[in-house]
């Protein structure tokens, strides 16, 4: 039976990353994703509850809310999103806040970046991807320079490719990824 997962995210590529990572936990693709995209962070907080209610009406039995930390305070942002969702129309839910940006997760697996984007040079391991202030820009620069200035990173295209090659073990180096993996494991098993 197909499990329906509702996703509320800032960007379409955030949802694509989630789909790729979830498919690693459920290789037979026993799930489908219904989504609402905020196209930035502001609408997530204002529309979160209404979108979750709509996803419940679409028969989603679990919900993932993804919101980049950017320059916010983690606990304050968790509280704000929790309040915006309260009471959650979907009891089985998780709020996932990638530290700085979701691209930090992708930076945690340098081999996935090289493989997915067919780079000519290897990338050294980034010790703490969540400490990078602008992960998206760092990824852009790495791709450009490690391809001998021939490739341009486009997050809306390349994030899904990198996520499809990513090893969950490497992504666990990012503490903000761990709650998503744990939640998906319970939902998909």
N, C-alpha and C. Protein backbone atom coordinates (compact mmCIF):
# COMPACT_ATOMS: atom_id res chain seq x y z
N UNK A 1 0.83 -1.18 0.00
CA UNK A 1 0.00 0.00 0.00
C UNK A 1 0.88 1.25 0.00
N UNK A 2 0.56 2.21 -0.81
CA UNK A 2 1.32 3.44 -0.93
C UNK A 2 1.02 4.36 0.24
N UNK A 3 2.07 4.82 0.88
CA UNK A 3 1.94 5.76 1.99
C UNK A 3 2.06 7.16 1.43
N UNK A 4 1.15 8.03 1.81
CA UNK A 4 1.19 9.41 1.34
C UNK A 4 1.85 10.29 2.38
N UNK A 5 2.91 10.95 1.97
CA UNK A 5 3.64 11.86 2.83
C UNK A 5 3.38 13.28 2.35
N UNK A 6 2.89 14.12 3.23
CA UNK A 6 2.71 15.53 2.93
C UNK A 6 4.00 16.28 3.22
N UNK A 7 4.35 17.21 2.34
CA UNK A 7 5.57 17.99 2.53
C UNK A 7 5.24 19.46 2.32
N UNK A 8 5.68 20.26 3.26
CA UNK A 8 5.61 21.72 3.14
C UNK A 8 7.05 22.19 3.14
N UNK A 9 7.45 22.89 2.08
CA UNK A 9 8.85 23.29 1.95
C UNK A 9 8.96 24.65 1.29
N UNK A 10 10.13 25.24 1.41
CA UNK A 10 10.39 26.55 0.82
C UNK A 10 10.51 26.49 -0.70
N UNK A 11 11.03 25.38 -1.20
CA UNK A 11 11.43 25.31 -2.60
C UNK A 11 11.15 23.92 -3.15
N UNK A 12 10.91 23.84 -4.42
CA UNK A 12 10.66 22.55 -5.07
C UNK A 12 11.86 21.61 -4.94
N UNK A 13 13.07 22.15 -4.99
CA UNK A 13 14.24 21.28 -4.89
C UNK A 13 14.35 20.66 -3.49
N UNK A 14 13.81 21.32 -2.46
CA UNK A 14 13.78 20.73 -1.11
C UNK A 14 12.94 19.46 -1.12
N UNK A 15 11.82 19.51 -1.81
CA UNK A 15 10.94 18.34 -1.91
C UNK A 15 11.62 17.24 -2.71
N UNK A 16 12.30 17.61 -3.78
CA UNK A 16 13.01 16.62 -4.59
C UNK A 16 14.12 15.94 -3.80
N UNK A 17 14.82 16.69 -2.97
CA UNK A 17 15.85 16.09 -2.11
C UNK A 17 15.19 15.09 -1.17
N UNK A 18 14.09 15.48 -0.54
CA UNK A 18 13.38 14.57 0.37
C UNK A 18 12.95 13.30 -0.36
N UNK A 19 12.41 13.43 -1.57
CA UNK A 19 11.98 12.25 -2.33
C UNK A 19 13.14 11.31 -2.61
N UNK A 20 14.28 11.87 -3.01
CA UNK A 20 15.45 11.04 -3.30
C UNK A 20 15.95 10.33 -2.05
N UNK A 21 16.00 11.05 -0.94
CA UNK A 21 16.49 10.44 0.30
C UNK A 21 15.51 9.40 0.81
N UNK A 22 14.22 9.67 0.71
CA UNK A 22 13.20 8.70 1.13
C UNK A 22 13.27 7.44 0.29
N UNK A 23 13.57 7.58 -0.99
CA UNK A 23 13.65 6.40 -1.86
C UNK A 23 14.81 5.49 -1.48
N UNK A 24 15.81 6.02 -0.79
CA UNK A 24 16.90 5.18 -0.29
C UNK A 24 16.44 4.32 0.88
N UNK A 25 15.42 4.79 1.59
CA UNK A 25 14.88 4.06 2.73
C UNK A 25 13.74 3.13 2.33
N UNK A 26 13.12 3.41 1.20
CA UNK A 26 12.03 2.58 0.68
C UNK A 26 12.28 2.35 -0.80
N UNK A 27 13.23 1.46 -1.11
CA UNK A 27 13.66 1.30 -2.50
C UNK A 27 12.55 0.85 -3.47
N UNK A 28 11.52 0.24 -2.94
CA UNK A 28 10.44 -0.19 -3.85
C UNK A 28 9.44 0.93 -4.11
N UNK A 29 9.78 2.11 -3.63
CA UNK A 29 8.93 3.30 -3.83
C UNK A 29 7.49 3.04 -3.38
N UNK A 30 7.37 2.73 -2.11
CA UNK A 30 6.05 2.45 -1.52
C UNK A 30 5.43 3.70 -0.93
N UNK A 31 5.84 4.84 -1.44
CA UNK A 31 5.31 6.10 -0.93
C UNK A 31 5.09 7.07 -2.08
N UNK A 32 4.27 8.06 -1.81
CA UNK A 32 4.07 9.17 -2.75
C UNK A 32 4.10 10.45 -1.92
N UNK A 33 4.45 11.53 -2.57
CA UNK A 33 4.56 12.81 -1.88
C UNK A 33 3.54 13.79 -2.45
N UNK A 34 2.82 14.42 -1.55
CA UNK A 34 1.94 15.55 -1.89
C UNK A 34 2.61 16.76 -1.26
N UNK A 35 2.55 17.89 -1.92
CA UNK A 35 3.36 19.01 -1.44
C UNK A 35 2.69 20.37 -1.57
N UNK A 36 3.21 21.29 -0.75
CA UNK A 36 2.94 22.71 -0.87
C UNK A 36 4.29 23.39 -0.80
N UNK A 37 4.52 24.31 -1.74
CA UNK A 37 5.79 25.02 -1.83
C UNK A 37 5.55 26.48 -1.43
N UNK A 38 6.37 26.97 -0.51
CA UNK A 38 6.22 28.35 -0.04
C UNK A 38 6.91 29.38 -0.91
N UNK A 39 7.83 28.94 -1.78
CA UNK A 39 8.64 29.85 -2.59
C UNK A 39 9.26 30.93 -1.69
N UNK A 40 9.94 30.46 -0.67
CA UNK A 40 10.55 31.31 0.34
C UNK A 40 9.99 30.92 1.69
N UNK A 41 10.54 31.53 2.72
CA UNK A 41 10.17 31.09 4.07
C UNK A 41 8.94 31.76 4.64
N UNK A 42 8.62 32.96 4.22
CA UNK A 42 7.51 33.71 4.83
C UNK A 42 6.16 33.02 4.73
N UNK A 43 5.85 32.47 3.60
CA UNK A 43 4.54 31.85 3.41
C UNK A 43 4.40 30.55 4.20
N UNK A 44 5.50 29.89 4.49
CA UNK A 44 5.40 28.64 5.25
C UNK A 44 4.78 28.91 6.60
N UNK A 45 5.25 29.94 7.26
CA UNK A 45 4.72 30.23 8.61
C UNK A 45 3.28 30.71 8.55
N UNK A 46 2.92 31.48 7.55
CA UNK A 46 1.55 31.99 7.49
C UNK A 46 0.54 30.98 6.96
N UNK A 47 0.98 30.05 6.14
CA UNK A 47 0.06 29.10 5.50
C UNK A 47 0.20 27.67 6.02
N UNK A 48 1.12 27.43 6.92
CA UNK A 48 1.46 26.08 7.37
C UNK A 48 0.24 25.27 7.79
N UNK A 49 -0.58 25.81 8.66
CA UNK A 49 -1.72 25.06 9.17
C UNK A 49 -2.73 24.76 8.05
N UNK A 50 -3.04 25.75 7.25
CA UNK A 50 -4.00 25.56 6.15
C UNK A 50 -3.49 24.52 5.15
N UNK A 51 -2.21 24.58 4.83
CA UNK A 51 -1.65 23.61 3.89
C UNK A 51 -1.66 22.21 4.49
N UNK A 52 -1.34 22.10 5.78
CA UNK A 52 -1.36 20.79 6.44
C UNK A 52 -2.78 20.22 6.44
N UNK A 53 -3.76 21.06 6.67
CA UNK A 53 -5.16 20.61 6.64
C UNK A 53 -5.52 20.11 5.24
N UNK A 54 -5.07 20.82 4.22
CA UNK A 54 -5.32 20.41 2.84
C UNK A 54 -4.63 19.08 2.55
N UNK A 55 -3.42 18.90 3.03
CA UNK A 55 -2.70 17.64 2.82
C UNK A 55 -3.41 16.48 3.53
N UNK A 56 -3.97 16.74 4.70
CA UNK A 56 -4.74 15.70 5.39
C UNK A 56 -5.96 15.31 4.55
N UNK A 57 -6.61 16.30 3.95
CA UNK A 57 -7.76 16.02 3.08
C UNK A 57 -7.36 15.22 1.84
N UNK A 58 -6.08 15.33 1.46
CA UNK A 58 -5.55 14.54 0.34
C UNK A 58 -5.06 13.17 0.79
N UNK A 59 -5.39 12.81 2.04
CA UNK A 59 -5.11 11.49 2.65
C UNK A 59 -3.65 11.27 3.04
N UNK A 60 -2.93 12.35 3.29
CA UNK A 60 -1.56 12.19 3.79
C UNK A 60 -1.64 11.76 5.26
N UNK A 61 -0.89 10.72 5.59
CA UNK A 61 -0.89 10.22 6.96
C UNK A 61 0.30 10.71 7.77
N UNK A 62 1.25 11.37 7.10
CA UNK A 62 2.39 11.95 7.79
C UNK A 62 2.76 13.25 7.09
N UNK A 63 3.46 14.10 7.83
CA UNK A 63 3.78 15.43 7.33
C UNK A 63 5.22 15.80 7.68
N UNK A 64 5.92 16.36 6.71
CA UNK A 64 7.26 16.90 6.91
C UNK A 64 7.22 18.38 6.54
N UNK A 65 7.63 19.21 7.48
CA UNK A 65 7.77 20.65 7.21
C UNK A 65 9.26 20.93 7.17
N UNK A 66 9.75 21.45 6.03
CA UNK A 66 11.17 21.76 5.86
C UNK A 66 11.33 23.27 5.73
N UNK A 67 12.16 23.84 6.58
CA UNK A 67 12.39 25.28 6.57
C UNK A 67 13.86 25.52 6.91
N UNK A 68 14.62 26.11 6.00
CA UNK A 68 16.03 26.39 6.26
C UNK A 68 16.17 27.32 7.46
N UNK A 69 17.23 27.12 8.21
CA UNK A 69 17.51 27.98 9.36
C UNK A 69 17.93 29.37 8.91
N UNK A 70 18.69 29.45 7.85
CA UNK A 70 19.26 30.71 7.38
C UNK A 70 19.98 31.36 8.57
N UNK A 71 19.62 32.58 8.92
CA UNK A 71 20.29 33.28 10.03
C UNK A 71 19.43 33.33 11.28
N UNK A 72 18.37 32.55 11.34
CA UNK A 72 17.47 32.54 12.49
C UNK A 72 18.08 31.76 13.65
N UNK A 73 17.46 31.86 14.81
CA UNK A 73 17.83 31.07 15.97
C UNK A 73 17.03 29.77 15.91
N UNK A 74 17.69 28.64 16.07
CA UNK A 74 17.05 27.34 15.88
C UNK A 74 15.81 27.16 16.74
N UNK A 75 15.92 27.31 18.04
CA UNK A 75 14.78 27.03 18.92
C UNK A 75 13.64 28.02 18.70
N UNK A 76 13.98 29.25 18.39
CA UNK A 76 12.94 30.25 18.12
C UNK A 76 12.19 29.88 16.84
N UNK A 77 12.92 29.48 15.81
CA UNK A 77 12.28 29.10 14.55
C UNK A 77 11.43 27.85 14.73
N UNK A 78 11.93 26.85 15.47
CA UNK A 78 11.13 25.65 15.75
C UNK A 78 9.83 26.03 16.43
N UNK A 79 9.91 26.92 17.41
CA UNK A 79 8.70 27.36 18.13
C UNK A 79 7.73 28.07 17.20
N UNK A 80 8.25 28.95 16.35
CA UNK A 80 7.39 29.70 15.42
C UNK A 80 6.66 28.76 14.46
N UNK A 81 7.39 27.81 13.90
CA UNK A 81 6.76 26.87 12.96
C UNK A 81 5.79 25.97 13.71
N UNK A 82 6.18 25.51 14.90
CA UNK A 82 5.29 24.69 15.71
C UNK A 82 4.00 25.41 16.04
N UNK A 83 4.09 26.68 16.39
CA UNK A 83 2.90 27.48 16.69
C UNK A 83 2.05 27.67 15.44
N UNK A 84 2.69 27.89 14.30
CA UNK A 84 1.95 28.07 13.05
C UNK A 84 1.21 26.80 12.65
N UNK A 85 1.74 25.67 13.01
CA UNK A 85 1.15 24.38 12.66
C UNK A 85 0.11 23.92 13.68
N UNK A 86 0.20 24.42 14.90
CA UNK A 86 -0.61 23.95 16.03
C UNK A 86 -2.09 24.34 15.91
N UNK A 87 -2.96 23.41 16.20
CA UNK A 87 -2.70 21.98 16.33
C UNK A 87 -2.55 21.37 14.94
N UNK A 88 -1.60 20.49 14.81
CA UNK A 88 -1.33 19.93 13.49
C UNK A 88 -2.49 19.04 13.04
N UNK A 89 -3.01 19.29 11.86
CA UNK A 89 -4.07 18.43 11.31
C UNK A 89 -3.59 17.01 11.05
N UNK A 90 -2.28 16.83 10.94
CA UNK A 90 -1.69 15.50 10.74
C UNK A 90 -0.83 15.22 11.97
N UNK A 91 -1.30 14.29 12.80
CA UNK A 91 -0.64 14.02 14.08
C UNK A 91 0.81 13.56 13.90
N UNK A 92 1.06 12.71 12.91
CA UNK A 92 2.39 12.18 12.67
C UNK A 92 3.17 13.18 11.80
N UNK A 93 3.93 14.05 12.45
CA UNK A 93 4.64 15.08 11.69
C UNK A 93 6.00 15.37 12.31
N UNK A 94 6.84 16.02 11.50
CA UNK A 94 8.15 16.45 11.95
C UNK A 94 8.46 17.80 11.31
N UNK A 95 9.10 18.65 12.08
CA UNK A 95 9.59 19.92 11.56
C UNK A 95 11.10 19.77 11.41
N UNK A 96 11.58 19.92 10.20
CA UNK A 96 13.00 19.73 9.89
C UNK A 96 13.59 21.09 9.52
N UNK A 97 14.66 21.45 10.22
CA UNK A 97 15.29 22.75 9.96
C UNK A 97 16.76 22.51 9.60
N UNK A 98 17.05 22.41 8.30
CA UNK A 98 18.45 22.29 7.90
C UNK A 98 19.24 23.53 8.36
N UNK A 99 20.37 23.28 9.01
CA UNK A 99 21.17 24.39 9.52
C UNK A 99 21.80 25.13 8.34
N UNK A 100 21.55 26.39 8.35
CA UNK A 100 21.80 27.36 7.29
C UNK A 100 20.88 27.07 6.11
N UNK A 101 21.24 26.08 5.28
CA UNK A 101 20.42 25.72 4.12
C UNK A 101 20.52 24.22 3.90
N UNK A 102 19.55 23.67 3.17
CA UNK A 102 19.53 22.23 2.92
C UNK A 102 20.75 21.79 2.11
N UNK A 103 21.36 22.71 1.39
CA UNK A 103 22.56 22.38 0.62
C UNK A 103 23.72 21.95 1.51
N UNK A 104 23.69 22.31 2.79
CA UNK A 104 24.72 21.84 3.72
C UNK A 104 24.71 20.32 3.78
N UNK A 105 23.52 19.72 3.72
CA UNK A 105 23.43 18.25 3.72
C UNK A 105 24.16 17.69 2.51
N UNK A 106 23.97 18.33 1.37
CA UNK A 106 24.61 17.84 0.14
C UNK A 106 26.13 18.00 0.22
N UNK A 107 26.58 19.05 0.85
CA UNK A 107 28.03 19.25 1.02
C UNK A 107 28.65 18.19 1.92
N UNK A 108 27.84 17.51 2.71
CA UNK A 108 28.35 16.47 3.61
C UNK A 108 28.81 15.24 2.84
N UNK A 109 28.44 15.12 1.57
CA UNK A 109 28.85 13.97 0.76
C UNK A 109 29.56 14.45 -0.50
N UNK A 110 30.85 14.68 -0.36
CA UNK A 110 31.63 15.20 -1.48
C UNK A 110 31.67 14.24 -2.65
N UNK A 111 31.65 12.93 -2.38
CA UNK A 111 31.68 11.96 -3.48
C UNK A 111 30.39 12.01 -4.30
N UNK A 112 29.28 12.27 -3.65
CA UNK A 112 28.00 12.39 -4.37
C UNK A 112 28.02 13.59 -5.31
N UNK A 113 28.63 14.67 -4.87
CA UNK A 113 28.71 15.87 -5.72
C UNK A 113 29.54 15.57 -6.96
N UNK A 114 30.68 14.95 -6.75
CA UNK A 114 31.58 14.62 -7.88
C UNK A 114 30.89 13.67 -8.85
N UNK A 115 30.26 12.64 -8.31
CA UNK A 115 29.61 11.65 -9.17
C UNK A 115 28.40 12.23 -9.91
N UNK A 116 27.53 12.90 -9.19
CA UNK A 116 26.30 13.41 -9.79
C UNK A 116 26.57 14.45 -10.87
N UNK A 117 27.57 15.29 -10.64
CA UNK A 117 27.83 16.38 -11.57
C UNK A 117 29.01 16.09 -12.50
N UNK A 118 29.54 14.86 -12.41
CA UNK A 118 30.62 14.41 -13.28
C UNK A 118 31.78 15.42 -13.30
N UNK A 119 32.25 15.73 -12.09
CA UNK A 119 33.34 16.69 -11.97
C UNK A 119 34.67 16.03 -12.30
N UNK A 120 35.57 16.81 -12.84
CA UNK A 120 36.87 16.26 -13.24
C UNK A 120 37.85 16.16 -12.07
N UNK A 121 37.58 16.86 -10.98
CA UNK A 121 38.47 16.83 -9.82
C UNK A 121 37.68 16.44 -8.58
N UNK A 122 38.37 15.79 -7.66
CA UNK A 122 37.71 15.39 -6.42
C UNK A 122 37.57 16.60 -5.49
N UNK A 123 36.68 16.45 -4.53
CA UNK A 123 36.44 17.50 -3.53
C UNK A 123 36.86 16.94 -2.19
N UNK A 124 37.59 17.72 -1.46
CA UNK A 124 37.99 17.29 -0.12
C UNK A 124 36.79 17.28 0.82
N UNK A 125 36.89 16.45 1.85
CA UNK A 125 35.81 16.35 2.83
C UNK A 125 35.66 17.68 3.57
N UNK A 126 34.44 18.14 3.67
CA UNK A 126 34.15 19.36 4.40
C UNK A 126 33.87 18.96 5.85
N UNK A 127 34.71 19.37 6.78
CA UNK A 127 34.61 18.89 8.16
C UNK A 127 33.25 19.12 8.81
N UNK A 128 32.68 20.31 8.68
CA UNK A 128 31.40 20.61 9.31
C UNK A 128 30.54 21.42 8.34
N UNK A 129 29.80 20.76 7.47
CA UNK A 129 29.01 21.48 6.46
C UNK A 129 28.00 22.47 7.05
N UNK A 130 27.51 22.17 8.26
CA UNK A 130 26.52 23.06 8.86
C UNK A 130 27.14 24.35 9.39
N UNK A 131 28.45 24.43 9.43
CA UNK A 131 29.13 25.65 9.88
C UNK A 131 29.33 26.64 8.73
N UNK A 132 29.06 26.20 7.52
CA UNK A 132 29.23 27.07 6.36
C UNK A 132 28.06 28.05 6.30
N UNK A 133 28.36 29.33 6.23
CA UNK A 133 27.30 30.35 6.28
C UNK A 133 26.41 30.35 5.04
N UNK A 134 26.97 30.04 3.89
CA UNK A 134 26.21 30.06 2.64
C UNK A 134 26.49 28.79 1.85
N UNK A 135 25.87 27.67 2.26
CA UNK A 135 26.16 26.39 1.62
C UNK A 135 25.85 26.37 0.12
N UNK A 136 24.80 27.03 -0.28
CA UNK A 136 24.43 27.04 -1.70
C UNK A 136 25.54 27.69 -2.53
N UNK A 137 26.06 28.81 -2.04
CA UNK A 137 27.13 29.50 -2.75
C UNK A 137 28.42 28.68 -2.72
N UNK A 138 28.69 28.01 -1.60
CA UNK A 138 29.89 27.16 -1.52
C UNK A 138 29.79 26.04 -2.53
N UNK A 139 28.62 25.43 -2.64
CA UNK A 139 28.41 24.36 -3.62
C UNK A 139 28.59 24.88 -5.03
N UNK A 140 28.04 26.05 -5.29
CA UNK A 140 28.21 26.69 -6.61
C UNK A 140 29.68 26.87 -6.94
N UNK A 141 30.44 27.41 -5.99
CA UNK A 141 31.87 27.67 -6.23
C UNK A 141 32.66 26.38 -6.40
N UNK A 142 32.36 25.38 -5.57
CA UNK A 142 33.06 24.09 -5.69
C UNK A 142 32.84 23.48 -7.08
N UNK A 143 31.60 23.47 -7.52
CA UNK A 143 31.29 22.88 -8.83
C UNK A 143 32.01 23.64 -9.93
N UNK A 144 32.00 24.93 -9.87
CA UNK A 144 32.64 25.74 -10.90
C UNK A 144 34.15 25.49 -10.97
N UNK A 145 34.80 25.51 -9.82
CA UNK A 145 36.26 25.35 -9.82
C UNK A 145 36.70 23.91 -10.01
N UNK A 146 35.95 22.95 -9.49
CA UNK A 146 36.34 21.54 -9.65
C UNK A 146 35.97 20.98 -11.02
N UNK A 147 35.27 21.78 -11.83
CA UNK A 147 34.99 21.38 -13.20
C UNK A 147 35.85 22.17 -14.18
N UNK A 148 36.90 22.79 -13.65
CA UNK A 148 37.77 23.65 -14.46
C UNK A 148 36.97 24.78 -15.12
N UNK A 149 36.04 25.32 -14.38
CA UNK A 149 35.21 26.47 -14.79
C UNK A 149 34.33 26.18 -16.00
N UNK A 150 33.93 24.90 -16.13
CA UNK A 150 33.08 24.50 -17.26
C UNK A 150 31.63 24.25 -16.88
N UNK A 151 31.38 23.98 -15.60
CA UNK A 151 30.02 23.69 -15.17
C UNK A 151 29.54 24.74 -14.19
N UNK A 152 28.26 25.02 -14.31
CA UNK A 152 27.62 25.95 -13.38
C UNK A 152 26.56 25.18 -12.60
N UNK A 153 26.66 25.26 -11.30
CA UNK A 153 25.70 24.61 -10.41
C UNK A 153 24.38 25.37 -10.43
N UNK A 154 23.30 24.62 -10.63
CA UNK A 154 21.96 25.19 -10.60
C UNK A 154 21.17 24.36 -9.60
N UNK A 155 20.86 24.95 -8.45
CA UNK A 155 20.25 24.17 -7.37
C UNK A 155 18.95 23.50 -7.80
N UNK A 156 18.16 24.15 -8.62
CA UNK A 156 16.88 23.59 -9.03
C UNK A 156 17.02 22.36 -9.91
N UNK A 157 18.18 22.16 -10.48
CA UNK A 157 18.45 20.99 -11.32
C UNK A 157 19.37 20.01 -10.60
N UNK A 158 20.44 20.53 -10.02
CA UNK A 158 21.51 19.68 -9.51
C UNK A 158 21.27 19.10 -8.12
N UNK A 159 20.45 19.74 -7.29
CA UNK A 159 20.23 19.20 -5.95
C UNK A 159 19.66 17.79 -5.98
N UNK A 160 18.71 17.55 -6.86
CA UNK A 160 18.12 16.21 -6.97
C UNK A 160 19.18 15.19 -7.39
N UNK A 161 20.01 15.56 -8.35
CA UNK A 161 21.06 14.65 -8.82
C UNK A 161 22.01 14.28 -7.69
N UNK A 162 22.42 15.28 -6.93
CA UNK A 162 23.36 15.03 -5.83
C UNK A 162 22.69 14.16 -4.77
N UNK A 163 21.45 14.47 -4.42
CA UNK A 163 20.73 13.68 -3.42
C UNK A 163 20.57 12.23 -3.87
N UNK A 164 20.38 12.01 -5.16
CA UNK A 164 20.21 10.64 -5.65
C UNK A 164 21.50 9.82 -5.51
N UNK A 165 22.65 10.49 -5.50
CA UNK A 165 23.94 9.81 -5.34
C UNK A 165 24.42 9.80 -3.89
N UNK A 166 23.74 10.51 -3.03
CA UNK A 166 24.21 10.69 -1.65
C UNK A 166 24.10 9.41 -0.84
N UNK A 167 25.02 9.27 0.09
CA UNK A 167 25.02 8.17 1.04
C UNK A 167 24.49 8.72 2.37
N UNK A 168 23.44 8.10 2.89
CA UNK A 168 22.81 8.59 4.12
C UNK A 168 23.81 8.67 5.27
N UNK A 169 24.77 7.77 5.28
CA UNK A 169 25.79 7.77 6.34
C UNK A 169 26.54 9.11 6.34
N UNK A 170 26.85 9.61 5.17
CA UNK A 170 27.55 10.89 5.09
C UNK A 170 26.66 12.05 5.51
N UNK A 171 25.39 11.99 5.15
CA UNK A 171 24.48 13.08 5.51
C UNK A 171 24.25 13.16 7.01
N UNK A 172 24.41 12.04 7.70
CA UNK A 172 24.23 12.03 9.16
C UNK A 172 25.25 12.90 9.87
N UNK A 173 26.29 13.31 9.18
CA UNK A 173 27.25 14.24 9.78
C UNK A 173 26.57 15.58 10.08
N UNK A 174 25.46 15.83 9.42
CA UNK A 174 24.67 17.04 9.69
C UNK A 174 23.59 16.69 10.71
N UNK A 175 23.69 17.26 11.89
CA UNK A 175 22.73 16.95 12.95
C UNK A 175 21.29 17.26 12.54
N UNK A 176 21.10 18.26 11.70
CA UNK A 176 19.74 18.63 11.30
C UNK A 176 19.11 17.61 10.36
N UNK A 177 19.92 16.73 9.76
CA UNK A 177 19.39 15.69 8.89
C UNK A 177 18.83 14.51 9.68
N UNK A 178 19.41 14.23 10.83
CA UNK A 178 19.08 13.04 11.61
C UNK A 178 17.59 12.91 11.94
N UNK A 179 16.89 13.98 12.37
CA UNK A 179 15.45 13.83 12.65
C UNK A 179 14.63 13.46 11.41
N UNK A 180 15.02 13.96 10.24
CA UNK A 180 14.30 13.59 9.02
C UNK A 180 14.47 12.11 8.73
N UNK A 181 15.71 11.62 8.81
CA UNK A 181 15.94 10.20 8.54
C UNK A 181 15.17 9.32 9.53
N UNK A 182 15.21 9.68 10.80
CA UNK A 182 14.51 8.89 11.81
C UNK A 182 13.00 8.87 11.55
N UNK A 183 12.46 10.02 11.21
CA UNK A 183 11.03 10.12 10.92
C UNK A 183 10.67 9.28 9.70
N UNK A 184 11.44 9.41 8.62
CA UNK A 184 11.15 8.65 7.40
C UNK A 184 11.27 7.14 7.63
N UNK A 185 12.23 6.74 8.44
CA UNK A 185 12.36 5.30 8.74
C UNK A 185 11.09 4.77 9.41
N UNK A 186 10.52 5.53 10.33
CA UNK A 186 9.29 5.05 11.00
C UNK A 186 8.11 5.10 10.05
N UNK A 187 8.04 6.11 9.21
CA UNK A 187 6.92 6.25 8.27
C UNK A 187 6.95 5.18 7.18
N UNK A 188 8.14 4.89 6.68
CA UNK A 188 8.27 4.02 5.52
C UNK A 188 8.41 2.54 5.86
N UNK A 189 8.53 2.20 7.13
CA UNK A 189 8.64 0.78 7.52
C UNK A 189 7.35 0.26 8.09
